[in-house]
Amino acid sequence: MKYRVYLPLLILFIVILWMGSGLLKSAQEKYVTSKLSPNKLSTKPLQKVLIDISKNVTTQKTLTLQGELMPIRRVQIKAETSSKVMHIAVVRGQLVQEGELILSLDPQERILKVKQAQTEIDAAQLNFNANEKLVTQGAKSKTQLEAMRANLSRAQTNLEAAQLELARIDIRAPFAGIIENTLPALGQRLMLGEDIVALADIDPIIVRADVPQTQINNLGIKTQGVASLLTGDNFTGKIHNIAPSALNASRTFEIEFALELYAQAQKIPPLGMSASLVLNLIETEAFEISPAILAQNKQGALVIKAVDENNKVIYVPIIVVKTSAGNLWVTGIKDGTRVITRGAAFVAENELVEAMTQAAVTKITADQSSAQP
């Protein structure tokens, strides 16, 4: 009877002890967790990245534009009189000098008009001289003589016009240039004002390109650069003209870049060909990187990933100032920055990483090779 009374109390005591031991264990676990850093709890290894210690060098900042090869001027030579083509002195693509004969028209009609005008002058002159004597004798009035004087003057004007028409049968180059199109055929009759040939002035040849309004203040007359063609040819030169106002549609400024052809004794490039124009701007301190390591931050700006003194990944904003041999020259990276050159795609901002230089990787590899039996 006595044991029955103490049995429930004993069971209750055992339950209390069991629960208390569980609470104590939980508290100990929380204490240990709070004291240990996440890195001590985690066994996941840090991501390895390859870095390069930046060192800026002085480089030429450039501006790259796309343009088109054009002559400095182009004119369409037209027929100044009507006649048949009698002689062609040049061919398409030929270089001609100022005043050089391009083609000649048939002069026969113009020669006849000159002879006819000269005959009219002779007749008018004889008539005037004869009537002048009659006026002196009182047989003719001065009014009649003045009418004959007007006839003589009109005949002289007709002769001058006929002579001018005769001179227009020879079509000559108004300036040195290149013949751009096919000429009319022999025997073809040209009408007054009809197109004969297009003449392009290639001294100099220019690259015409559009400059964004954000860059126009960085350029000036005589800014130097290089024009590269799809043929592989490169031509040095300089800006010789900048439009004073922007184009309404694009808000860009048209420039003309003159190629230095004659000084370089290079062949004449085909007009109308596309050209990549690289203009030299100011010198600046820049660091060369591979475009493969470029990234963007949340605002969409260009950045590269680097590692700070705590081995955390950081973003460094950059500005591209030049392209060269497939690489980029950028500003914004301070000397001594640990730029991630390999593994950047696998790490995020503020992530802890294990950073190593190429020299360190090479040494570890060499040590491992020498340690092998």
Protein backbone atom coordinates (compact mmCIF):
# COMPACT_ATOMS: atom_id res chain seq x y z
CA MET A 1 0.00 0.00 0.00
CA LYS A 2 2.84 2.32 0.93
CA TYR A 3 4.67 1.66 -2.41
CA ARG A 4 1.55 2.50 -4.41
CA VAL A 5 1.52 6.00 -2.94
CA TYR A 6 5.18 6.82 -3.95
CA LEU A 7 5.14 5.22 -7.40
CA PRO A 8 3.37 8.15 -9.22
CA LEU A 9 5.67 10.64 -7.55
CA LEU A 10 8.72 8.70 -8.73
CA ILE A 11 7.47 8.63 -12.32
CA LEU A 12 6.81 12.40 -12.28
CA PHE A 13 10.33 13.07 -10.99
CA ILE A 14 11.90 11.03 -13.78
CA VAL A 15 9.90 12.93 -16.47
CA ILE A 16 11.03 16.28 -15.07
CA LEU A 17 14.69 15.20 -15.18
CA TRP A 18 14.37 14.04 -18.82
CA MET A 19 12.80 17.32 -19.95
CA GLY A 20 15.39 19.38 -18.12
CA SER A 21 18.25 17.55 -19.77
CA GLY A 22 16.73 18.27 -23.20
CA LEU A 23 16.42 21.99 -22.52
CA LEU A 24 20.00 22.16 -21.31
CA LYS A 25 21.29 20.45 -24.44
CA SER A 26 19.35 22.88 -26.65
CA ALA A 27 20.75 25.87 -24.79
CA GLN A 28 24.27 24.54 -25.15
CA GLU A 29 23.82 24.07 -28.90
CA LYS A 30 22.56 27.63 -29.28
CA TYR A 31 25.53 28.92 -27.32
CA VAL A 32 28.02 27.03 -29.44
CA THR A 33 26.30 28.16 -32.67
CA SER A 34 26.37 31.81 -31.62
CA LYS A 35 30.08 31.70 -30.78
CA LEU A 36 31.25 30.00 -33.95
CA SER A 37 31.54 31.97 -37.24
CA PRO A 38 29.69 30.76 -40.36
CA ASN A 39 33.02 29.87 -41.93
CA LYS A 40 33.81 27.48 -38.99
CA LEU A 41 30.48 25.78 -39.32
CA SER A 42 30.65 25.47 -43.10
CA THR A 43 32.98 23.06 -44.75
CA LYS A 44 32.39 24.47 -48.28
CA PRO A 45 35.74 25.60 -49.80
CA LEU A 46 36.15 29.17 -51.06
CA GLN A 47 35.96 29.83 -54.78
CA LYS A 48 39.44 30.28 -56.26
CA VAL A 49 40.03 33.23 -58.60
CA LEU A 50 43.06 34.38 -60.57
CA ILE A 51 44.02 38.03 -60.11
CA ASP A 52 46.32 40.57 -61.72
CA ILE A 53 47.74 43.53 -59.82
CA SER A 54 46.85 46.62 -61.87
CA LYS A 55 49.44 49.13 -63.06
CA ASN A 56 48.18 52.02 -65.19
CA VAL A 57 50.24 53.28 -68.12
CA THR A 58 49.98 56.41 -70.24
CA THR A 59 47.93 55.73 -73.37
CA GLN A 60 46.28 57.70 -76.12
CA LYS A 61 42.54 58.05 -75.63
CA THR A 62 40.76 57.45 -78.93
CA LEU A 63 37.35 57.86 -80.51
CA THR A 64 36.19 55.29 -83.09
CA LEU A 65 33.69 56.29 -85.75
CA GLN A 66 32.23 54.67 -88.87
CA GLY A 67 32.29 56.69 -92.05
CA GLU A 68 32.43 56.64 -95.84
CA LEU A 69 35.15 57.59 -98.32
CA MET A 70 34.18 60.65 -100.34
CA PRO A 71 35.88 63.12 -102.70
CA ILE A 72 36.41 66.60 -101.30
CA ARG A 73 34.08 67.82 -104.07
CA ARG A 74 32.23 66.36 -107.04
CA VAL A 75 30.74 68.10 -110.09
CA GLN A 76 28.54 66.94 -112.93
CA ILE A 77 29.93 68.40 -116.15
CA LYS A 78 27.15 69.31 -118.60
CA ALA A 79 27.07 70.13 -122.30
CA GLU A 80 27.13 73.87 -122.91
CA THR A 81 26.08 73.50 -126.52
CA SER A 82 24.26 71.00 -128.72
CA SER A 83 26.26 68.78 -131.09
CA LYS A 84 27.49 65.24 -131.78
CA VAL A 85 30.39 63.62 -129.87
CA MET A 86 33.37 63.56 -132.25
CA HIS A 87 36.32 62.62 -129.99
CA ILE A 88 36.72 61.05 -126.51
CA ALA A 89 40.06 61.70 -124.79
CA VAL A 90 39.65 59.89 -121.44
CA VAL A 91 38.13 56.76 -119.91
CA ARG A 92 36.25 55.99 -116.73
CA GLY A 93 38.52 55.96 -113.66
CA GLN A 94 41.25 58.03 -115.30
CA LEU A 95 43.01 60.81 -113.43
CA VAL A 96 42.94 64.13 -115.28
CA GLN A 97 44.60 67.46 -114.67
CA GLU A 98 42.94 70.87 -114.62
CA GLY A 99 42.22 72.01 -118.18
CA GLU A 100 42.82 68.56 -119.69
CA LEU A 101 40.56 67.63 -122.64
CA ILE A 102 37.77 65.16 -121.80
CA LEU A 103 35.90 65.05 -125.12
CA SER A 104 35.21 67.12 -128.21
CA LEU A 105 31.96 67.77 -130.07
CA ASP A 106 31.53 68.14 -133.83
CA PRO A 107 32.55 71.74 -134.67
CA GLN A 108 31.10 71.98 -138.20
CA GLU A 109 27.78 73.58 -137.20
CA ARG A 110 29.58 76.11 -135.00
CA ILE A 111 32.15 76.91 -137.73
CA LEU A 112 29.35 77.65 -140.17
CA LYS A 113 27.65 79.95 -137.67
CA VAL A 114 30.90 81.85 -137.13
CA LYS A 115 31.33 82.30 -140.90
CA GLN A 116 27.73 83.41 -141.26
CA ALA A 117 28.10 85.93 -138.45
CA GLN A 118 31.31 87.26 -139.98
CA THR A 119 29.56 87.70 -143.36
CA GLU A 120 26.75 89.63 -141.67
CA ILE A 121 29.29 91.93 -140.02
CA ASP A 122 31.03 92.59 -143.33
CA ALA A 123 27.73 93.46 -145.00
CA ALA A 124 26.60 95.65 -142.13
CA GLN A 125 29.96 97.44 -142.08
CA LEU A 126 29.84 98.21 -145.84
CA ASN A 127 26.27 99.46 -145.58
CA PHE A 128 27.15 101.69 -142.63
CA ASN A 129 30.22 103.16 -144.36
CA ALA A 130 28.29 103.96 -147.54
CA ASN A 131 25.39 105.61 -145.74
CA GLU A 132 27.74 107.55 -143.50
CA LYS A 133 28.97 109.44 -146.62
CA LEU A 134 25.42 110.08 -147.71
CA VAL A 135 24.61 111.60 -144.34
CA THR A 136 27.63 113.88 -144.71
CA GLN A 137 26.32 114.95 -148.10
CA GLY A 138 22.80 115.45 -146.67
CA ALA A 139 21.26 112.64 -148.72
CA LYS A 140 20.50 110.50 -145.67
CA SER A 141 19.20 111.40 -142.24
CA LYS A 142 21.18 110.77 -139.05
CA THR A 143 18.30 108.63 -137.77
CA GLN A 144 18.76 106.21 -140.66
CA LEU A 145 22.51 106.10 -139.97
CA GLU A 146 21.96 105.25 -136.29
CA ALA A 147 19.70 102.35 -137.32
CA MET A 148 22.47 100.99 -139.49
CA ARG A 149 24.97 101.45 -136.64
CA ALA A 150 22.67 99.29 -134.47
CA ASN A 151 22.58 96.60 -137.20
CA LEU A 152 26.40 96.55 -137.23
CA SER A 153 26.57 96.25 -133.47
CA ARG A 154 24.05 93.40 -133.53
CA ALA A 155 26.10 91.56 -136.14
CA GLN A 156 29.23 91.92 -134.00
CA THR A 157 27.37 90.47 -131.00
CA ASN A 158 26.21 87.52 -133.09
CA LEU A 159 29.80 86.84 -134.12
CA GLU A 160 31.00 86.83 -130.51
CA ALA A 161 28.19 84.42 -129.55
CA ALA A 162 29.07 82.09 -132.44
CA GLN A 163 32.75 82.14 -131.48
CA LEU A 164 31.84 81.31 -127.88
CA GLU A 165 29.68 78.40 -129.05
CA LEU A 166 32.61 77.14 -131.13
CA ALA A 167 34.89 77.23 -128.07
CA ARG A 168 32.39 75.12 -126.12
CA ILE A 169 32.83 72.08 -128.33
CA ASP A 170 35.92 71.10 -126.28
CA ILE A 171 34.92 69.81 -122.82
CA ARG A 172 37.79 70.24 -120.36
CA ALA A 173 38.31 69.38 -116.69
CA PRO A 174 37.59 72.39 -114.45
CA PHE A 175 39.98 70.94 -111.82
CA ALA A 176 42.24 67.91 -111.31
CA GLY A 177 40.30 64.77 -110.41
CA ILE A 178 39.10 61.33 -111.43
CA ILE A 179 36.51 60.47 -114.09
CA GLU A 180 33.74 58.63 -112.23
CA ASN A 181 31.34 57.36 -114.88
CA THR A 182 31.14 56.12 -118.46
CA LEU A 183 31.28 58.83 -121.11
CA PRO A 184 28.81 59.27 -123.99
CA ALA A 185 29.39 57.22 -127.12
CA LEU A 186 31.02 58.51 -130.29
CA GLY A 187 28.40 60.01 -132.59
CA GLN A 188 25.90 60.50 -129.78
CA ARG A 189 24.20 63.89 -129.99
CA LEU A 190 24.29 65.88 -126.78
CA MET A 191 21.72 68.53 -126.01
CA LEU A 192 22.37 71.79 -124.20
CA GLY A 193 22.51 71.08 -120.44
CA GLU A 194 22.78 67.29 -120.80
CA ASP A 195 25.05 65.43 -118.35
CA ILE A 196 28.41 64.40 -119.81
CA VAL A 197 30.58 63.09 -116.97
CA ALA A 198 31.03 63.23 -113.18
CA LEU A 199 34.41 64.54 -112.02
CA ALA A 200 35.58 63.89 -108.42
CA ASP A 201 38.26 65.98 -106.74
CA ILE A 202 40.39 63.56 -104.69
CA ASP A 203 42.93 66.03 -103.36
CA PRO A 204 42.21 65.13 -100.65
CA ILE A 205 39.94 62.11 -100.28
CA ILE A 206 37.93 62.46 -97.08
CA VAL A 207 36.14 60.20 -94.65
CA ARG A 208 32.78 61.71 -93.81
CA ALA A 209 31.51 60.58 -90.39
CA ASP A 210 29.04 61.65 -87.69
CA VAL A 211 30.24 62.52 -84.17
CA PRO A 212 27.92 62.23 -81.12
CA GLN A 213 27.22 65.54 -79.44
CA THR A 214 28.82 64.22 -76.24
CA GLN A 215 32.18 63.92 -78.03
CA ILE A 216 32.25 66.97 -80.27
CA ASN A 217 34.13 69.13 -77.73
CA ASN A 218 36.97 66.59 -77.70
CA LEU A 219 37.71 67.19 -81.39
CA GLY A 220 39.19 70.04 -83.34
CA ILE A 221 40.57 70.99 -86.73
CA LYS A 222 43.80 69.02 -87.36
CA THR A 223 42.90 66.26 -84.86
CA GLN A 224 44.91 63.32 -86.18
CA GLY A 225 43.91 59.69 -86.64
CA VAL A 226 43.89 56.61 -88.86
CA ALA A 227 41.25 55.41 -91.33
CA SER A 228 41.06 51.63 -91.83
CA LEU A 229 39.35 50.09 -94.86
CA LEU A 230 37.86 46.64 -95.38
CA THR A 231 40.65 46.02 -97.89
CA GLY A 232 43.14 46.11 -95.02
CA ASP A 233 44.64 49.44 -96.10
CA ASN A 234 45.27 52.10 -93.45
CA PHE A 235 45.61 55.83 -94.12
CA THR A 236 46.76 58.51 -91.70
CA GLY A 237 45.23 61.97 -91.82
CA LYS A 238 43.54 64.73 -89.85
CA ILE A 239 40.19 66.49 -89.50
CA HIS A 240 39.90 69.46 -91.84
CA ASN A 241 36.23 70.39 -91.39
CA ILE A 242 33.63 70.17 -88.59
CA ALA A 243 29.97 71.07 -89.16
CA PRO A 244 28.99 74.16 -87.14
CA SER A 245 25.57 72.71 -86.26
CA ALA A 246 24.12 69.27 -85.48
CA LEU A 247 21.91 67.27 -87.80
CA ASN A 248 18.30 67.62 -86.68
CA ALA A 249 17.38 63.93 -86.84
CA SER A 250 20.40 62.36 -85.12
CA ARG A 251 21.82 65.29 -83.14
CA THR A 252 25.26 64.41 -84.47
CA PHE A 253 27.92 66.61 -86.03
CA GLU A 254 29.35 65.80 -89.46
CA ILE A 255 33.13 65.86 -89.78
CA GLU A 256 35.46 65.49 -92.75
CA PHE A 257 38.72 63.62 -92.17
CA ALA A 258 41.31 64.23 -94.91
CA LEU A 259 43.52 61.30 -95.91
CA GLU A 260 47.21 61.95 -96.52
CA LEU A 261 47.47 60.05 -99.80
CA TYR A 262 49.97 61.94 -101.87
CA ALA A 263 52.50 62.32 -99.07
CA GLN A 264 52.37 58.57 -98.46
CA ALA A 265 52.43 57.67 -102.19
CA GLN A 266 49.68 55.14 -101.59
CA LYS A 267 47.14 53.89 -104.10
CA ILE A 268 43.82 55.67 -104.39
CA PRO A 269 41.14 53.80 -102.41
CA PRO A 270 37.70 53.18 -103.95
CA LEU A 271 35.29 56.03 -103.28
CA GLY A 272 32.13 55.10 -101.39
CA MET A 273 33.85 52.38 -99.36
CA SER A 274 33.13 52.12 -95.63
CA ALA A 275 35.93 53.18 -93.30
CA SER A 276 36.61 52.76 -89.59
CA LEU A 277 38.01 56.02 -88.28
CA VAL A 278 40.10 56.10 -85.08
CA LEU A 279 40.78 59.64 -83.85
CA ASN A 280 43.50 60.46 -81.33
CA LEU A 281 42.23 62.43 -78.34
CA ILE A 282 44.03 63.31 -75.09
CA GLU A 283 46.57 61.11 -73.30
CA THR A 284 45.34 59.44 -70.10
CA GLU A 285 46.35 56.83 -67.53
CA ALA A 286 44.66 53.51 -68.36
CA PHE A 287 44.85 49.76 -67.66
CA GLU A 288 44.61 47.05 -70.32
CA ILE A 289 42.02 44.30 -69.75
CA SER A 290 40.31 41.52 -71.68
CA PRO A 291 36.70 42.27 -72.70
CA ALA A 292 35.82 38.85 -71.27
CA ILE A 293 36.02 40.19 -67.69
CA LEU A 294 33.55 43.03 -68.25
CA ALA A 295 30.39 42.98 -66.13
CA GLN A 296 27.49 45.27 -65.25
CA ASN A 297 26.28 46.49 -61.89
CA LYS A 298 22.61 46.87 -60.90
CA GLN A 299 22.48 50.29 -62.54
CA GLY A 300 23.74 48.86 -65.84
CA ALA A 301 27.13 50.58 -65.69
CA LEU A 302 30.27 48.80 -66.89
CA VAL A 303 32.39 47.34 -64.08
CA ILE A 304 35.12 44.80 -63.49
CA LYS A 305 35.34 42.48 -60.47
CA ALA A 306 38.24 42.82 -58.05
CA VAL A 307 39.23 41.51 -54.62
CA ASP A 308 39.65 43.86 -51.63
CA GLU A 309 42.00 43.50 -48.65
CA ASN A 310 39.47 41.24 -46.90
CA ASN A 311 39.33 38.89 -49.89
CA LYS A 312 35.79 40.01 -50.73
CA VAL A 313 34.64 40.57 -54.29
CA ILE A 314 34.00 44.22 -55.15
CA TYR A 315 32.78 46.05 -58.27
CA VAL A 316 35.02 48.72 -59.82
CA PRO A 317 33.31 51.07 -62.34
CA ILE A 318 35.36 51.63 -65.50
CA ILE A 319 35.28 53.69 -68.73
CA VAL A 320 36.59 52.30 -72.01
CA VAL A 321 38.93 54.80 -73.68
CA LYS A 322 40.56 52.66 -76.37
CA THR A 323 40.54 49.28 -78.08
CA SER A 324 43.76 47.58 -79.14
CA ALA A 325 44.52 44.08 -80.46
CA GLY A 326 41.28 42.68 -79.10
CA ASN A 327 41.78 44.15 -75.62
CA LEU A 328 40.34 47.23 -73.93
CA TRP A 329 42.09 50.16 -72.30
CA VAL A 330 40.01 51.46 -69.38
CA THR A 331 40.16 54.15 -66.73
CA GLY A 332 38.81 53.96 -63.17
CA ILE A 333 41.10 51.21 -61.86
CA LYS A 334 43.65 52.42 -59.30
CA ASP A 335 47.20 51.11 -59.26
CA GLY A 336 47.50 48.04 -57.05
CA THR A 337 43.90 46.89 -57.52
CA ARG A 338 43.59 43.10 -57.47
CA VAL A 339 41.64 42.61 -60.69
CA ILE A 340 39.99 39.22 -61.20
CA THR A 341 41.15 37.91 -64.56
CA ARG A 342 39.82 34.34 -64.31
CA GLY A 343 36.84 32.98 -62.41
CA ALA A 344 34.96 36.29 -62.28
CA ALA A 345 31.84 34.71 -63.78
CA PHE A 346 31.53 32.32 -60.82
CA VAL A 347 31.64 34.86 -57.97
CA ALA A 348 29.28 37.60 -56.82
CA GLU A 349 29.76 40.95 -55.10
CA ASN A 350 30.78 40.66 -51.39
CA GLU A 351 31.56 36.95 -51.75
CA LEU A 352 34.65 35.67 -49.94
CA VAL A 353 37.16 34.14 -52.35
CA GLU A 354 40.65 32.68 -52.43
CA ALA A 355 42.69 34.97 -54.69
CA MET A 356 45.96 33.95 -56.31
CA THR A 357 48.27 35.58 -58.83
CA GLN A 358 49.57 33.76 -61.87
CA ALA A 359 53.05 33.78 -60.34
CA ALA A 360 51.76 32.04 -57.21
CA VAL A 361 49.92 29.41 -59.26
CA THR A 362 53.07 28.76 -61.30
CA LYS A 363 55.16 28.33 -58.12
CA ILE A 364 52.68 25.89 -56.54
CA THR A 365 52.60 23.84 -59.74
CA ALA A 366 56.40 23.76 -59.87
CA ASP A 367 56.65 22.73 -56.19
CA GLN A 368 54.15 19.91 -56.70
CA SER A 369 56.04 18.66 -59.74
CA SER A 370 59.38 18.62 -57.88
CA ALA A 371 57.84 16.82 -54.89
CA GLN A 372 56.68 13.90 -56.98
CA PRO A 373 59.02 10.84 -56.89
